[in-house]
Structure formats: C-alpha cells, structure tokens
Amino acid sequence: MKIANCLFLLFFMAFAKTAFAQNIENQSVKKDTALARQLGADEYGMKQYVMAFLKSGPNKNQSPAEAERLQKAHLENIGRMANEGKLVVAGPFMDDGEIRGIYIFNVKTVEEAKALTETDPAIQAGRLVMELHPWYGSAALMKVVEIHNSLPTKGF
C-alpha cells in the first residue's frame, strides 16, 4: 500500500507541477494573434526564410579603390533589400574564415533568394559567392529591421 500511495503522490505532484507551469506560462505570455498574422507566423510562431552564407569569391584581384567601391555598393544593396522587406538579417562574421557573413531572406524559395543575391555588386564582381538554404525560424525576425533602424547607429 505504501508503494501505491507513493506512486499516487509522485503522479499527483508531477501533474500539479505541469498544470501549474502551463497556467503560469499562459498567464505571463500573452499571445498576439494579430501580430502573428502580420508577420506571417504559423501556429508555432515560425515561418520559412532562405538563409545565405556569403563566401569569399574567386575574384579578389580588384584594386583597393575598386574593392572599396564594391563594398560600399554591397552595403547599399543590403540596405535596399532590408528596406524592401526582403532581407531581415545581414551581417559579417568576425573572423577571417571562408564564410564572410550571412543573410536571412524573407522569401519562400531559394530561387527568389538567388535572384536577390544577383543584384549584389560584390556577387556580380565575383568577390563573394552565395550558398543558399531554406530555413525555418522565428517570425519575430521580421521586426529586426524596424528595431535596428530605431537604434542610434553610425552609418557605414
């Protein structure tokens, strides 16, 4: 009988803890279905993107002045895509590896992302190449550009 009572007590404690935790979670995190719809979220708060790995390209023999011009045009292209809502995250890696940075595109297909990457002057010049992958991530990423643009930043 002691074993049965102990098992019942353990079951009751586990059930009570789970129910209590779910109740606290439901109370502390208000779900915003209107925002979820606006951001294109599925029932998990996620959505499909395309992630790009920007890699060193085969053509790095430009003059320093031309390399600087291409980098400026590359950054302007990033800004344009972000302002159009097609690019939600972009940034360089801080090491000197082959993978130079990432993009996360707000598009459904690799083909759409490929068309966007082809507008990049650094890609056109062969300084960078892209590796594209479908990716599933938080729909909240759609707010990154808006939040970033509200931060006091120095321009590039």
N, C-alpha and C. Protein backbone atom coordinates (compact mmCIF):
# COMPACT_ATOMS: atom_id res chain seq x y z
N MET A 1 0.82 -1.19 0.00
CA MET A 1 0.00 0.00 0.00
C MET A 1 0.86 1.26 0.00
N LYS A 2 2.00 1.21 0.72
CA LYS A 2 2.89 2.36 0.76
C LYS A 2 3.38 2.71 -0.63
N ILE A 3 3.72 1.71 -1.44
CA ILE A 3 4.21 1.95 -2.80
C ILE A 3 3.12 2.61 -3.63
N ALA A 4 1.89 2.12 -3.52
CA ALA A 4 0.79 2.72 -4.27
C ALA A 4 0.58 4.17 -3.86
N ASN A 5 0.65 4.45 -2.56
CA ASN A 5 0.49 5.83 -2.09
C ASN A 5 1.62 6.73 -2.60
N CYS A 6 2.84 6.21 -2.57
CA CYS A 6 3.99 6.97 -3.07
C CYS A 6 3.85 7.26 -4.56
N LEU A 7 3.45 6.22 -5.33
CA LEU A 7 3.26 6.42 -6.77
C LEU A 7 2.17 7.44 -7.04
N PHE A 8 1.06 7.36 -6.28
CA PHE A 8 -0.02 8.32 -6.45
C PHE A 8 0.47 9.72 -6.13
N LEU A 9 1.24 9.86 -5.05
CA LEU A 9 1.75 11.16 -4.65
C LEU A 9 2.70 11.72 -5.72
N LEU A 10 3.60 10.87 -6.24
CA LEU A 10 4.51 11.30 -7.30
C LEU A 10 3.75 11.73 -8.55
N PHE A 11 2.74 10.93 -8.95
CA PHE A 11 1.93 11.26 -10.11
C PHE A 11 1.22 12.59 -9.89
N PHE A 12 0.61 12.75 -8.71
CA PHE A 12 -0.12 13.97 -8.40
C PHE A 12 0.82 15.18 -8.44
N MET A 13 2.02 15.05 -7.86
CA MET A 13 2.97 16.17 -7.85
C MET A 13 3.41 16.53 -9.26
N ALA A 14 3.68 15.51 -10.07
CA ALA A 14 4.10 15.76 -11.45
C ALA A 14 2.97 16.43 -12.24
N PHE A 15 1.75 15.95 -12.07
CA PHE A 15 0.60 16.54 -12.76
C PHE A 15 0.38 17.98 -12.29
N ALA A 16 0.42 18.20 -10.98
CA ALA A 16 0.19 19.53 -10.43
C ALA A 16 1.26 20.50 -10.91
N LYS A 17 2.51 20.05 -10.94
CA LYS A 17 3.61 20.91 -11.41
C LYS A 17 3.41 21.28 -12.87
N THR A 18 3.06 20.31 -13.71
CA THR A 18 2.83 20.58 -15.13
C THR A 18 1.67 21.53 -15.32
N ALA A 19 0.57 21.28 -14.65
CA ALA A 19 -0.60 22.15 -14.78
C ALA A 19 -0.29 23.56 -14.29
N PHE A 20 0.44 23.66 -13.18
CA PHE A 20 0.81 24.96 -12.64
C PHE A 20 1.72 25.70 -13.61
N ALA A 21 2.71 25.01 -14.16
CA ALA A 21 3.64 25.65 -15.10
C ALA A 21 2.91 26.12 -16.34
N GLN A 22 1.99 25.31 -16.88
CA GLN A 22 1.22 25.73 -18.07
C GLN A 22 0.36 26.93 -17.75
N ASN A 23 -0.24 26.96 -16.57
CA ASN A 23 -1.08 28.07 -16.17
C ASN A 23 -0.26 29.36 -16.08
N ILE A 24 0.91 29.27 -15.48
CA ILE A 24 1.78 30.45 -15.37
C ILE A 24 2.22 30.89 -16.76
N GLU A 25 2.60 29.94 -17.63
CA GLU A 25 3.03 30.29 -18.98
C GLU A 25 1.92 30.99 -19.73
N ASN A 26 0.70 30.46 -19.64
CA ASN A 26 -0.42 31.06 -20.36
C ASN A 26 -0.75 32.45 -19.82
N GLN A 27 -0.54 32.68 -18.53
CA GLN A 27 -0.83 33.99 -17.95
C GLN A 27 0.28 34.99 -18.25
N SER A 28 1.54 34.57 -18.23
CA SER A 28 2.64 35.51 -18.34
C SER A 28 2.98 35.88 -19.78
N VAL A 29 2.62 35.07 -20.75
CA VAL A 29 2.93 35.35 -22.14
C VAL A 29 1.62 35.46 -22.91
N LYS A 30 1.23 36.68 -23.18
CA LYS A 30 0.00 36.91 -23.93
C LYS A 30 0.30 36.67 -25.41
N LYS A 31 -0.49 35.84 -26.03
CA LYS A 31 -0.32 35.54 -27.44
C LYS A 31 -0.99 36.62 -28.27
N ASP A 32 -0.27 37.15 -29.26
CA ASP A 32 -0.77 38.23 -30.11
C ASP A 32 -1.04 37.65 -31.50
N THR A 33 -2.26 37.17 -31.70
CA THR A 33 -2.58 36.51 -32.97
C THR A 33 -2.56 37.50 -34.14
N ALA A 34 -2.92 38.76 -33.88
CA ALA A 34 -2.88 39.76 -34.95
C ALA A 34 -1.44 39.97 -35.42
N LEU A 35 -0.52 40.07 -34.47
CA LEU A 35 0.90 40.23 -34.82
C LEU A 35 1.41 38.99 -35.54
N ALA A 36 1.01 37.83 -35.07
CA ALA A 36 1.43 36.58 -35.72
C ALA A 36 1.00 36.57 -37.18
N ARG A 37 -0.24 36.97 -37.44
CA ARG A 37 -0.73 37.03 -38.83
C ARG A 37 0.07 38.05 -39.63
N GLN A 38 0.29 39.23 -39.04
CA GLN A 38 1.04 40.30 -39.72
C GLN A 38 2.44 39.83 -40.12
N LEU A 39 3.07 39.06 -39.26
CA LEU A 39 4.44 38.61 -39.52
C LEU A 39 4.50 37.34 -40.36
N GLY A 40 3.35 36.74 -40.64
CA GLY A 40 3.33 35.52 -41.44
C GLY A 40 3.68 34.28 -40.65
N ALA A 41 3.45 34.32 -39.34
CA ALA A 41 3.81 33.19 -38.48
C ALA A 41 2.83 32.03 -38.64
N ASP A 42 3.36 30.83 -38.48
CA ASP A 42 2.49 29.66 -38.41
C ASP A 42 2.06 29.46 -36.96
N GLU A 43 1.44 28.34 -36.66
CA GLU A 43 0.91 28.10 -35.31
C GLU A 43 2.01 27.97 -34.25
N TYR A 44 3.26 27.83 -34.68
CA TYR A 44 4.38 27.74 -33.76
C TYR A 44 5.11 29.08 -33.60
N GLY A 45 4.63 30.11 -34.28
CA GLY A 45 5.30 31.40 -34.25
C GLY A 45 6.51 31.45 -35.17
N MET A 46 6.56 30.54 -36.12
CA MET A 46 7.70 30.39 -37.02
C MET A 46 7.28 30.68 -38.45
N LYS A 47 8.26 30.83 -39.33
CA LYS A 47 7.98 30.97 -40.75
C LYS A 47 9.21 30.53 -41.55
N GLN A 48 9.00 30.39 -42.84
CA GLN A 48 10.08 29.95 -43.71
C GLN A 48 10.83 31.16 -44.25
N TYR A 49 12.14 31.04 -44.28
CA TYR A 49 13.04 32.03 -44.85
C TYR A 49 14.02 31.29 -45.76
N VAL A 50 14.94 32.02 -46.35
CA VAL A 50 16.10 31.42 -47.00
C VAL A 50 17.34 32.05 -46.38
N MET A 51 18.25 31.21 -45.89
CA MET A 51 19.50 31.68 -45.31
C MET A 51 20.60 31.60 -46.36
N ALA A 52 21.42 32.64 -46.40
CA ALA A 52 22.54 32.68 -47.33
C ALA A 52 23.83 32.79 -46.54
N PHE A 53 24.79 31.98 -46.94
CA PHE A 53 26.14 32.11 -46.42
C PHE A 53 26.95 32.81 -47.51
N LEU A 54 27.47 33.98 -47.19
CA LEU A 54 28.31 34.73 -48.12
C LEU A 54 29.73 34.24 -47.97
N LYS A 55 30.28 33.73 -49.05
CA LYS A 55 31.63 33.16 -49.01
C LYS A 55 32.57 33.97 -49.88
N SER A 56 33.84 33.88 -49.58
CA SER A 56 34.85 34.54 -50.41
C SER A 56 34.73 34.01 -51.83
N GLY A 57 34.72 34.93 -52.78
CA GLY A 57 34.60 34.55 -54.18
C GLY A 57 35.94 34.37 -54.85
N PRO A 58 35.92 33.94 -56.11
CA PRO A 58 37.16 33.64 -56.82
C PRO A 58 37.89 34.88 -57.32
N ASN A 59 37.21 36.03 -57.37
CA ASN A 59 37.82 37.22 -57.96
C ASN A 59 38.08 38.27 -56.88
N LYS A 60 39.28 38.24 -56.33
CA LYS A 60 39.65 39.20 -55.29
C LYS A 60 40.80 40.10 -55.76
N ASN A 61 40.96 40.23 -57.07
CA ASN A 61 42.12 40.96 -57.59
C ASN A 61 41.80 42.41 -57.98
N GLN A 62 40.73 42.98 -57.44
CA GLN A 62 40.42 44.36 -57.73
C GLN A 62 41.42 45.27 -57.01
N SER A 63 41.56 46.47 -57.53
CA SER A 63 42.40 47.46 -56.86
C SER A 63 41.76 47.83 -55.53
N PRO A 64 42.52 48.38 -54.60
CA PRO A 64 41.93 48.80 -53.32
C PRO A 64 40.76 49.78 -53.51
N ALA A 65 40.89 50.69 -54.45
CA ALA A 65 39.81 51.66 -54.71
C ALA A 65 38.56 50.95 -55.23
N GLU A 66 38.74 49.98 -56.12
CA GLU A 66 37.60 49.23 -56.66
C GLU A 66 36.99 48.34 -55.59
N ALA A 67 37.81 47.72 -54.77
CA ALA A 67 37.30 46.89 -53.67
C ALA A 67 36.48 47.74 -52.70
N GLU A 68 36.93 48.94 -52.41
CA GLU A 68 36.19 49.85 -51.52
C GLU A 68 34.86 50.25 -52.16
N ARG A 69 34.89 50.54 -53.47
CA ARG A 69 33.66 50.90 -54.18
C ARG A 69 32.66 49.74 -54.16
N LEU A 70 33.14 48.54 -54.38
CA LEU A 70 32.27 47.36 -54.36
C LEU A 70 31.69 47.12 -52.97
N GLN A 71 32.49 47.32 -51.92
CA GLN A 71 31.99 47.13 -50.56
C GLN A 71 30.90 48.15 -50.25
N LYS A 72 31.10 49.38 -50.66
CA LYS A 72 30.08 50.42 -50.43
C LYS A 72 28.80 50.06 -51.17
N ALA A 73 28.92 49.63 -52.42
CA ALA A 73 27.74 49.24 -53.20
C ALA A 73 27.07 48.00 -52.59
N HIS A 74 27.85 47.08 -52.06
CA HIS A 74 27.34 45.88 -51.38
C HIS A 74 26.49 46.30 -50.18
N LEU A 75 26.99 47.22 -49.36
CA LEU A 75 26.25 47.69 -48.19
C LEU A 75 24.99 48.45 -48.58
N GLU A 76 25.06 49.23 -49.64
CA GLU A 76 23.86 49.93 -50.13
C GLU A 76 22.81 48.94 -50.61
N ASN A 77 23.25 47.87 -51.25
CA ASN A 77 22.32 46.83 -51.72
C ASN A 77 21.66 46.13 -50.53
N ILE A 78 22.42 45.89 -49.47
CA ILE A 78 21.85 45.31 -48.25
C ILE A 78 20.76 46.22 -47.72
N GLY A 79 21.04 47.52 -47.63
CA GLY A 79 20.04 48.48 -47.15
C GLY A 79 18.79 48.50 -48.00
N ARG A 80 18.97 48.44 -49.31
CA ARG A 80 17.82 48.44 -50.22
C ARG A 80 16.95 47.21 -49.98
N MET A 81 17.58 46.03 -49.92
CA MET A 81 16.80 44.80 -49.71
C MET A 81 16.10 44.80 -48.35
N ALA A 82 16.77 45.33 -47.33
CA ALA A 82 16.16 45.42 -46.00
C ALA A 82 14.96 46.36 -46.03
N ASN A 83 15.11 47.51 -46.67
CA ASN A 83 14.01 48.47 -46.75
C ASN A 83 12.83 47.94 -47.55
N GLU A 84 13.09 47.06 -48.48
CA GLU A 84 12.02 46.43 -49.26
C GLU A 84 11.35 45.28 -48.51
N GLY A 85 11.89 44.90 -47.35
CA GLY A 85 11.34 43.80 -46.57
C GLY A 85 11.77 42.43 -47.04
N LYS A 86 12.75 42.38 -47.92
CA LYS A 86 13.23 41.09 -48.45
C LYS A 86 14.38 40.51 -47.64
N LEU A 87 15.07 41.35 -46.88
CA LEU A 87 16.22 40.91 -46.10
C LEU A 87 15.96 41.27 -44.64
N VAL A 88 15.93 40.25 -43.76
CA VAL A 88 15.61 40.52 -42.36
C VAL A 88 16.83 40.52 -41.45
N VAL A 89 17.90 39.86 -41.84
CA VAL A 89 19.14 39.85 -41.07
C VAL A 89 20.30 39.82 -42.05
N ALA A 90 21.33 40.60 -41.74
CA ALA A 90 22.56 40.57 -42.53
C ALA A 90 23.70 40.95 -41.61
N GLY A 91 24.82 40.32 -41.81
CA GLY A 91 25.98 40.72 -41.03
C GLY A 91 27.18 39.86 -41.31
N PRO A 92 28.36 40.43 -41.06
CA PRO A 92 29.61 39.70 -41.30
C PRO A 92 29.98 38.82 -40.10
N PHE A 93 30.75 37.80 -40.39
CA PHE A 93 31.39 37.04 -39.32
C PHE A 93 32.66 37.79 -38.93
N MET A 94 33.05 37.65 -37.70
CA MET A 94 34.14 38.45 -37.16
C MET A 94 35.51 37.76 -37.22
N ASP A 95 35.58 36.67 -37.99
CA ASP A 95 36.87 36.02 -38.17
C ASP A 95 37.28 36.17 -39.63
N ASP A 96 38.36 35.56 -40.00
CA ASP A 96 38.85 35.66 -41.38
C ASP A 96 38.60 34.38 -42.16
N GLY A 97 37.54 33.66 -41.83
CA GLY A 97 37.25 32.40 -42.49
C GLY A 97 36.70 32.58 -43.90
N GLU A 98 36.47 31.47 -44.55
CA GLU A 98 35.92 31.48 -45.91
C GLU A 98 34.51 32.05 -45.93
N ILE A 99 33.71 31.75 -44.90
CA ILE A 99 32.36 32.28 -44.83
C ILE A 99 32.46 33.69 -44.25
N ARG A 100 32.09 34.66 -45.06
CA ARG A 100 32.30 36.07 -44.70
C ARG A 100 31.12 36.67 -43.94
N GLY A 101 29.89 36.13 -44.17
CA GLY A 101 28.73 36.68 -43.49
C GLY A 101 27.49 35.88 -43.81
N ILE A 102 26.34 36.37 -43.30
CA ILE A 102 25.07 35.71 -43.56
C ILE A 102 24.03 36.74 -43.97
N TYR A 103 23.05 36.25 -44.69
CA TYR A 103 21.80 36.96 -44.97
C TYR A 103 20.69 35.99 -44.54
N ILE A 104 19.59 36.54 -44.07
CA ILE A 104 18.35 35.78 -43.94
C ILE A 104 17.31 36.53 -44.75
N PHE A 105 16.87 35.89 -45.83
CA PHE A 105 15.91 36.49 -46.75
C PHE A 105 14.48 36.14 -46.36
N ASN A 106 13.60 37.11 -46.47
CA ASN A 106 12.17 36.91 -46.26
C ASN A 106 11.54 36.52 -47.59
N VAL A 107 11.88 35.34 -48.06
CA VAL A 107 11.32 34.77 -49.29
C VAL A 107 11.05 33.30 -49.03
N LYS A 108 10.22 32.70 -49.86
CA LYS A 108 9.86 31.30 -49.66
C LYS A 108 10.75 30.32 -50.42
N THR A 109 11.41 30.79 -51.49
CA THR A 109 12.17 29.84 -52.30
C THR A 109 13.63 30.28 -52.46
N VAL A 110 14.47 29.28 -52.68
CA VAL A 110 15.88 29.53 -52.97
C VAL A 110 16.01 30.32 -54.26
N GLU A 111 15.12 30.08 -55.21
CA GLU A 111 15.18 30.79 -56.49
C GLU A 111 14.95 32.29 -56.30
N GLU A 112 14.00 32.65 -55.44
CA GLU A 112 13.77 34.07 -55.15
C GLU A 112 15.00 34.69 -54.49
N ALA A 113 15.60 33.97 -53.56
CA ALA A 113 16.80 34.48 -52.88
C ALA A 113 17.95 34.61 -53.87
N LYS A 114 18.07 33.65 -54.78
CA LYS A 114 19.14 33.70 -55.78
C LYS A 114 19.00 34.95 -56.64
N ALA A 115 17.77 35.26 -57.04
CA ALA A 115 17.54 36.47 -57.85
C ALA A 115 17.94 37.72 -57.07
N LEU A 116 17.68 37.74 -55.77
CA LEU A 116 18.09 38.89 -54.96
C LEU A 116 19.60 38.98 -54.82
N THR A 117 20.27 37.84 -54.64
CA THR A 117 21.72 37.87 -54.49
C THR A 117 22.39 38.35 -55.77
N GLU A 118 21.76 38.09 -56.89
CA GLU A 118 22.34 38.50 -58.17
C GLU A 118 22.32 40.01 -58.37
N THR A 119 21.62 40.74 -57.50
CA THR A 119 21.62 42.22 -57.58
C THR A 119 22.80 42.81 -56.82
N ASP A 120 23.56 41.99 -56.10
CA ASP A 120 24.66 42.47 -55.27
C ASP A 120 25.91 42.70 -56.11
N PRO A 121 26.44 43.93 -56.13
CA PRO A 121 27.64 44.21 -56.92
C PRO A 121 28.84 43.34 -56.54
N ALA A 122 28.97 42.96 -55.28
CA ALA A 122 30.09 42.11 -54.88
C ALA A 122 29.94 40.70 -55.45
N ILE A 123 28.72 40.23 -55.59
CA ILE A 123 28.45 38.93 -56.23
C ILE A 123 28.75 39.06 -57.72
N GLN A 124 28.24 40.11 -58.33
CA GLN A 124 28.45 40.33 -59.76
C GLN A 124 29.93 40.39 -60.11
N ALA A 125 30.75 40.98 -59.22
CA ALA A 125 32.18 41.12 -59.47
C ALA A 125 32.96 39.86 -59.09
N GLY A 126 32.30 38.89 -58.45
CA GLY A 126 32.98 37.65 -58.06
C GLY A 126 33.76 37.75 -56.76
N ARG A 127 33.62 38.84 -56.02
CA ARG A 127 34.29 38.96 -54.71
C ARG A 127 33.62 38.07 -53.68
N LEU A 128 32.31 37.83 -53.84
CA LEU A 128 31.55 36.96 -52.96
C LEU A 128 30.76 35.96 -53.78
N VAL A 129 30.49 34.81 -53.19
CA VAL A 129 29.56 33.83 -53.74
C VAL A 129 28.58 33.47 -52.62
N MET A 130 27.39 33.06 -53.00
CA MET A 130 26.36 32.73 -52.02
C MET A 130 26.08 31.24 -52.01
N GLU A 131 25.84 30.74 -50.81
CA GLU A 131 25.34 29.38 -50.61
C GLU A 131 23.98 29.54 -49.94
N LEU A 132 22.92 29.07 -50.59
CA LEU A 132 21.55 29.33 -50.14
C LEU A 132 20.89 28.06 -49.61
N HIS A 133 20.13 28.23 -48.49
CA HIS A 133 19.44 27.11 -47.87
C HIS A 133 18.07 27.54 -47.36
N PRO A 134 17.02 26.74 -47.61
CA PRO A 134 15.73 27.02 -46.97
C PRO A 134 15.92 26.92 -45.46
N TRP A 135 15.27 27.80 -44.72
CA TRP A 135 15.47 27.84 -43.26
C TRP A 135 14.15 28.17 -42.58
N TYR A 136 13.92 27.57 -41.43
CA TYR A 136 12.70 27.74 -40.64
C TYR A 136 13.09 28.41 -39.34
N GLY A 137 12.59 29.62 -39.11
CA GLY A 137 12.96 30.37 -37.92
C GLY A 137 11.82 31.19 -37.38
N SER A 138 12.08 31.88 -36.30
CA SER A 138 11.06 32.69 -35.64
C SER A 138 10.54 33.80 -36.55
N ALA A 139 9.22 33.95 -36.59
CA ALA A 139 8.62 35.04 -37.36
C ALA A 139 8.97 36.39 -36.75
N ALA A 140 9.41 36.41 -35.50
CA ALA A 140 9.80 37.67 -34.85
C ALA A 140 10.97 38.33 -35.55
N LEU A 141 11.73 37.58 -36.33
CA LEU A 141 12.83 38.18 -37.09
C LEU A 141 12.35 39.29 -38.01
N MET A 142 11.08 39.24 -38.37
CA MET A 142 10.53 40.25 -39.26
C MET A 142 10.57 41.65 -38.62
N LYS A 143 10.77 41.73 -37.33
CA LYS A 143 10.83 43.01 -36.63
C LYS A 143 12.27 43.53 -36.47
N VAL A 144 13.26 42.76 -36.86
CA VAL A 144 14.65 43.14 -36.64
C VAL A 144 14.99 44.45 -37.33
N VAL A 145 14.64 44.61 -38.60
CA VAL A 145 15.00 45.81 -39.34
C VAL A 145 14.35 47.04 -38.71
N GLU A 146 13.07 46.93 -38.37
CA GLU A 146 12.36 48.04 -37.74
C GLU A 146 13.05 48.45 -36.44
N ILE A 147 13.37 47.48 -35.62
CA ILE A 147 14.03 47.78 -34.34
C ILE A 147 15.43 48.33 -34.59
N HIS A 148 16.17 47.71 -35.49
CA HIS A 148 17.53 48.17 -35.79
C HIS A 148 17.52 49.62 -36.26
N ASN A 149 16.59 49.96 -37.13
CA ASN A 149 16.53 51.32 -37.67
C ASN A 149 16.19 52.37 -36.60
N SER A 150 15.64 51.93 -35.47
CA SER A 150 15.32 52.87 -34.40
C SER A 150 16.48 53.07 -33.43
N LEU A 151 17.55 52.30 -33.58
CA LEU A 151 18.70 52.42 -32.68
C LEU A 151 19.62 53.52 -33.18
N PRO A 152 20.25 54.24 -32.26
CA PRO A 152 21.22 55.25 -32.70
C PRO A 152 22.46 54.55 -33.25
N THR A 153 22.65 54.66 -34.54
CA THR A 153 23.80 53.99 -35.17
C THR A 153 24.55 54.97 -36.05
N LYS A 154 25.79 54.65 -36.24
CA LYS A 154 26.63 55.39 -37.18
C LYS A 154 26.51 54.69 -38.52
N GLY A 155 26.35 55.43 -39.59
CA GLY A 155 26.23 54.83 -40.91
C GLY A 155 27.53 54.24 -41.40
N PHE A 156 27.42 53.37 -42.36
CA PHE A 156 28.63 52.76 -42.95
C PHE A 156 29.17 53.63 -44.04
